[in-house]
Amino acid sequence: YEGEYNAAGEPEGRGVLRFANGNVYEGEWKAGLPEGRGVMRFANGDVYEGEYKAGKKEGRGVFRCADGDVESNFYKHDAPTGEG
């Protein structure tokens, strides 16, 4: 993790986390979890850009597949609601 921390030593503010599997999250953090606007770049080339709450996709987001497919959706608890 590269970025800002809170007094408890948790990621908070803006930062980037590179996962061992090749995924990269860049965006806002609160209490050690993605919170607010962020971008998750997956190792397979897919990209999610949107809102997070408590580490899960929550609110409006756009998922761009490596094959060129693009889905704009609302998310609740990490799952698309079908509303876009």
N, C-alpha and C. Protein backbone atom coordinates (compact mmCIF):
# COMPACT_ATOMS: atom_id res chain seq x y z
N TYR A 1 0.84 -1.19 0.00
CA TYR A 1 0.00 0.00 0.00
C TYR A 1 0.88 1.24 0.00
N GLU A 2 0.53 2.17 -0.86
CA GLU A 2 1.20 3.47 -0.90
C GLU A 2 0.13 4.54 -0.77
N GLY A 3 0.25 5.37 0.24
CA GLY A 3 -0.73 6.44 0.39
C GLY A 3 -0.81 6.96 1.80
N GLU A 4 -1.95 7.55 2.11
CA GLU A 4 -2.17 8.20 3.40
C GLU A 4 -2.69 7.21 4.43
N TYR A 5 -2.41 7.50 5.70
CA TYR A 5 -2.86 6.67 6.82
C TYR A 5 -3.57 7.54 7.85
N ASN A 6 -4.44 6.91 8.65
CA ASN A 6 -5.05 7.62 9.78
C ASN A 6 -4.19 7.41 11.03
N ALA A 7 -4.61 7.94 12.16
CA ALA A 7 -3.84 7.85 13.40
C ALA A 7 -3.67 6.42 13.89
N ALA A 8 -4.59 5.52 13.48
CA ALA A 8 -4.52 4.11 13.88
C ALA A 8 -3.60 3.30 12.97
N GLY A 9 -3.03 3.96 11.95
CA GLY A 9 -2.14 3.27 11.03
C GLY A 9 -2.84 2.56 9.89
N GLU A 10 -4.14 2.84 9.70
CA GLU A 10 -4.92 2.22 8.62
C GLU A 10 -4.90 3.12 7.40
N PRO A 11 -5.00 2.55 6.20
CA PRO A 11 -5.13 3.38 5.01
C PRO A 11 -6.35 4.29 5.13
N GLU A 12 -6.15 5.59 4.89
CA GLU A 12 -7.25 6.55 4.92
C GLU A 12 -6.84 7.77 4.10
N GLY A 13 -7.77 8.23 3.28
CA GLY A 13 -7.46 9.31 2.34
C GLY A 13 -7.27 8.71 0.95
N ARG A 14 -6.23 9.11 0.25
CA ARG A 14 -5.95 8.58 -1.09
C ARG A 14 -4.80 7.59 -1.02
N GLY A 15 -4.93 6.52 -1.83
CA GLY A 15 -3.85 5.54 -1.84
C GLY A 15 -4.02 4.49 -2.92
N VAL A 16 -2.97 3.68 -3.07
CA VAL A 16 -2.94 2.61 -4.08
C VAL A 16 -2.53 1.31 -3.39
N LEU A 17 -3.29 0.25 -3.66
CA LEU A 17 -2.95 -1.07 -3.14
C LEU A 17 -2.75 -2.02 -4.31
N ARG A 18 -1.59 -2.66 -4.34
CA ARG A 18 -1.28 -3.65 -5.37
C ARG A 18 -1.40 -5.03 -4.73
N PHE A 19 -2.31 -5.84 -5.26
CA PHE A 19 -2.55 -7.18 -4.72
C PHE A 19 -1.57 -8.18 -5.33
N ALA A 20 -1.31 -9.26 -4.63
CA ALA A 20 -0.39 -10.30 -5.10
C ALA A 20 -0.87 -10.93 -6.41
N ASN A 21 -2.20 -10.94 -6.64
CA ASN A 21 -2.74 -11.55 -7.86
C ASN A 21 -2.66 -10.64 -9.08
N GLY A 22 -2.12 -9.42 -8.92
CA GLY A 22 -1.97 -8.50 -10.04
C GLY A 22 -3.03 -7.42 -10.10
N ASN A 23 -4.10 -7.52 -9.31
CA ASN A 23 -5.11 -6.47 -9.26
C ASN A 23 -4.54 -5.24 -8.57
N VAL A 24 -5.04 -4.05 -8.96
CA VAL A 24 -4.60 -2.79 -8.35
C VAL A 24 -5.82 -1.93 -8.05
N TYR A 25 -5.95 -1.48 -6.79
CA TYR A 25 -7.00 -0.53 -6.42
C TYR A 25 -6.35 0.82 -6.16
N GLU A 26 -6.91 1.84 -6.79
CA GLU A 26 -6.44 3.21 -6.58
C GLU A 26 -7.64 4.08 -6.28
N GLY A 27 -7.60 4.78 -5.15
CA GLY A 27 -8.72 5.65 -4.83
C GLY A 27 -8.73 6.06 -3.38
N GLU A 28 -9.94 6.29 -2.89
CA GLU A 28 -10.15 6.79 -1.54
C GLU A 28 -10.30 5.64 -0.55
N TRP A 29 -9.83 5.88 0.67
CA TRP A 29 -9.86 4.88 1.73
C TRP A 29 -10.43 5.50 3.00
N LYS A 30 -11.06 4.65 3.82
CA LYS A 30 -11.51 5.06 5.14
C LYS A 30 -11.40 3.86 6.07
N ALA A 31 -10.70 4.03 7.18
CA ALA A 31 -10.54 2.97 8.19
C ALA A 31 -10.02 1.67 7.59
N GLY A 32 -9.11 1.77 6.62
CA GLY A 32 -8.47 0.58 6.06
C GLY A 32 -9.20 -0.09 4.91
N LEU A 33 -10.34 0.48 4.49
CA LEU A 33 -11.12 -0.11 3.40
C LEU A 33 -11.40 0.92 2.31
N PRO A 34 -11.55 0.46 1.05
CA PRO A 34 -11.96 1.39 0.00
C PRO A 34 -13.30 2.04 0.36
N GLU A 35 -13.36 3.36 0.24
CA GLU A 35 -14.56 4.12 0.59
C GLU A 35 -14.55 5.41 -0.22
N GLY A 36 -15.60 5.63 -1.01
CA GLY A 36 -15.67 6.79 -1.88
C GLY A 36 -15.36 6.38 -3.32
N ARG A 37 -14.74 7.26 -4.07
CA ARG A 37 -14.43 6.98 -5.48
C ARG A 37 -13.16 6.16 -5.60
N GLY A 38 -13.20 5.18 -6.53
CA GLY A 38 -12.01 4.37 -6.73
C GLY A 38 -12.03 3.64 -8.06
N VAL A 39 -10.86 3.13 -8.42
CA VAL A 39 -10.70 2.35 -9.65
C VAL A 39 -9.99 1.04 -9.30
N MET A 40 -10.61 -0.08 -9.69
CA MET A 40 -9.98 -1.39 -9.52
C MET A 40 -9.61 -1.89 -10.90
N ARG A 41 -8.30 -2.10 -11.09
CA ARG A 41 -7.80 -2.66 -12.35
C ARG A 41 -7.46 -4.12 -12.09
N PHE A 42 -8.14 -5.01 -12.80
CA PHE A 42 -7.94 -6.44 -12.61
C PHE A 42 -6.81 -6.94 -13.51
N ALA A 43 -6.14 -7.96 -13.07
CA ALA A 43 -5.00 -8.52 -13.80
C ALA A 43 -5.39 -8.98 -15.20
N ASN A 44 -6.67 -9.35 -15.40
CA ASN A 44 -7.12 -9.83 -16.71
C ASN A 44 -7.44 -8.70 -17.68
N GLY A 45 -7.30 -7.43 -17.23
CA GLY A 45 -7.55 -6.28 -18.10
C GLY A 45 -8.88 -5.60 -17.86
N ASP A 46 -9.79 -6.22 -17.08
CA ASP A 46 -11.06 -5.58 -16.73
C ASP A 46 -10.79 -4.40 -15.80
N VAL A 47 -11.69 -3.40 -15.83
CA VAL A 47 -11.55 -2.22 -14.97
C VAL A 47 -12.93 -1.85 -14.42
N TYR A 48 -13.00 -1.64 -13.10
CA TYR A 48 -14.21 -1.09 -12.48
C TYR A 48 -13.86 0.29 -11.95
N GLU A 49 -14.70 1.27 -12.30
CA GLU A 49 -14.52 2.63 -11.80
C GLU A 49 -15.85 3.08 -11.21
N GLY A 50 -15.82 3.45 -9.93
CA GLY A 50 -17.07 3.87 -9.31
C GLY A 50 -16.93 4.10 -7.83
N GLU A 51 -18.05 3.94 -7.14
CA GLU A 51 -18.13 4.24 -5.73
C GLU A 51 -18.00 2.98 -4.88
N TYR A 52 -17.36 3.15 -3.73
CA TYR A 52 -17.18 2.06 -2.76
C TYR A 52 -17.69 2.51 -1.40
N LYS A 53 -18.16 1.54 -0.63
CA LYS A 53 -18.52 1.79 0.76
C LYS A 53 -18.10 0.56 1.56
N ALA A 54 -17.30 0.77 2.58
CA ALA A 54 -16.82 -0.32 3.45
C ALA A 54 -16.18 -1.45 2.65
N GLY A 55 -15.45 -1.09 1.59
CA GLY A 55 -14.71 -2.08 0.82
C GLY A 55 -15.49 -2.78 -0.28
N LYS A 56 -16.77 -2.41 -0.46
CA LYS A 56 -17.59 -3.05 -1.49
C LYS A 56 -18.11 -2.01 -2.47
N LYS A 57 -18.38 -2.47 -3.71
CA LYS A 57 -18.98 -1.58 -4.70
C LYS A 57 -20.35 -1.16 -4.19
N GLU A 58 -20.60 0.16 -4.20
CA GLU A 58 -21.86 0.68 -3.66
C GLU A 58 -22.16 2.00 -4.37
N GLY A 59 -23.27 2.06 -5.10
CA GLY A 59 -23.62 3.26 -5.84
C GLY A 59 -23.32 3.08 -7.32
N ARG A 60 -23.15 4.19 -8.01
CA ARG A 60 -22.92 4.14 -9.46
C ARG A 60 -21.51 3.68 -9.78
N GLY A 61 -21.43 2.82 -10.81
CA GLY A 61 -20.13 2.35 -11.25
C GLY A 61 -20.16 1.90 -12.70
N VAL A 62 -18.99 1.89 -13.31
CA VAL A 62 -18.85 1.44 -14.70
C VAL A 62 -17.82 0.32 -14.72
N PHE A 63 -18.21 -0.80 -15.32
CA PHE A 63 -17.33 -1.96 -15.45
C PHE A 63 -16.95 -2.09 -16.92
N ARG A 64 -15.66 -1.99 -17.20
CA ARG A 64 -15.16 -2.11 -18.58
C ARG A 64 -14.40 -3.42 -18.69
N CYS A 65 -14.93 -4.32 -19.51
CA CYS A 65 -14.28 -5.62 -19.71
C CYS A 65 -13.13 -5.47 -20.70
N ALA A 66 -12.15 -6.33 -20.55
CA ALA A 66 -10.99 -6.32 -21.43
C ALA A 66 -11.39 -6.53 -22.89
N ASP A 67 -12.52 -7.21 -23.12
CA ASP A 67 -12.98 -7.48 -24.49
C ASP A 67 -13.71 -6.30 -25.12
N GLY A 68 -13.84 -5.18 -24.36
CA GLY A 68 -14.47 -3.98 -24.90
C GLY A 68 -15.89 -3.75 -24.41
N ASP A 69 -16.50 -4.74 -23.79
CA ASP A 69 -17.84 -4.62 -23.24
C ASP A 69 -17.84 -3.59 -22.11
N VAL A 70 -18.87 -2.72 -22.05
CA VAL A 70 -18.96 -1.71 -21.00
C VAL A 70 -20.35 -1.79 -20.36
N GLU A 71 -20.39 -1.86 -19.03
CA GLU A 71 -21.65 -1.89 -18.29
C GLU A 71 -21.66 -0.77 -17.27
N SER A 72 -22.69 0.10 -17.34
CA SER A 72 -22.89 1.13 -16.34
C SER A 72 -24.03 0.64 -15.45
N ASN A 73 -23.83 0.65 -14.14
CA ASN A 73 -24.79 0.05 -13.24
C ASN A 73 -24.77 0.72 -11.89
N PHE A 74 -25.81 0.45 -11.10
CA PHE A 74 -25.80 0.76 -9.68
C PHE A 74 -25.44 -0.51 -8.94
N TYR A 75 -24.66 -0.38 -7.89
CA TYR A 75 -24.21 -1.54 -7.11
C TYR A 75 -24.69 -1.41 -5.67
N LYS A 76 -25.03 -2.54 -5.09
CA LYS A 76 -25.42 -2.62 -3.68
C LYS A 76 -24.71 -3.82 -3.09
N HIS A 77 -23.92 -3.62 -2.06
CA HIS A 77 -23.17 -4.71 -1.41
C HIS A 77 -22.35 -5.51 -2.41
N ASP A 78 -21.68 -4.85 -3.33
CA ASP A 78 -20.75 -5.46 -4.30
C ASP A 78 -21.43 -6.10 -5.50
N ALA A 79 -22.77 -6.06 -5.58
CA ALA A 79 -23.48 -6.72 -6.68
C ALA A 79 -24.26 -5.69 -7.50
N PRO A 80 -24.30 -5.85 -8.84
CA PRO A 80 -25.09 -4.94 -9.67
C PRO A 80 -26.58 -5.11 -9.38
N THR A 81 -27.32 -3.99 -9.37
CA THR A 81 -28.76 -4.04 -9.09
C THR A 81 -29.58 -4.20 -10.36
N GLY A 82 -28.96 -3.99 -11.52
CA GLY A 82 -29.70 -4.04 -12.77
C GLY A 82 -30.19 -2.68 -13.21
N GLU A 83 -30.02 -1.68 -12.36
CA GLU A 83 -30.39 -0.30 -12.70
C GLU A 83 -29.15 0.40 -13.21
N GLY A 84 -29.22 1.01 -14.36
CA GLY A 84 -28.03 1.67 -14.86
C GLY A 84 -28.36 2.88 -15.59
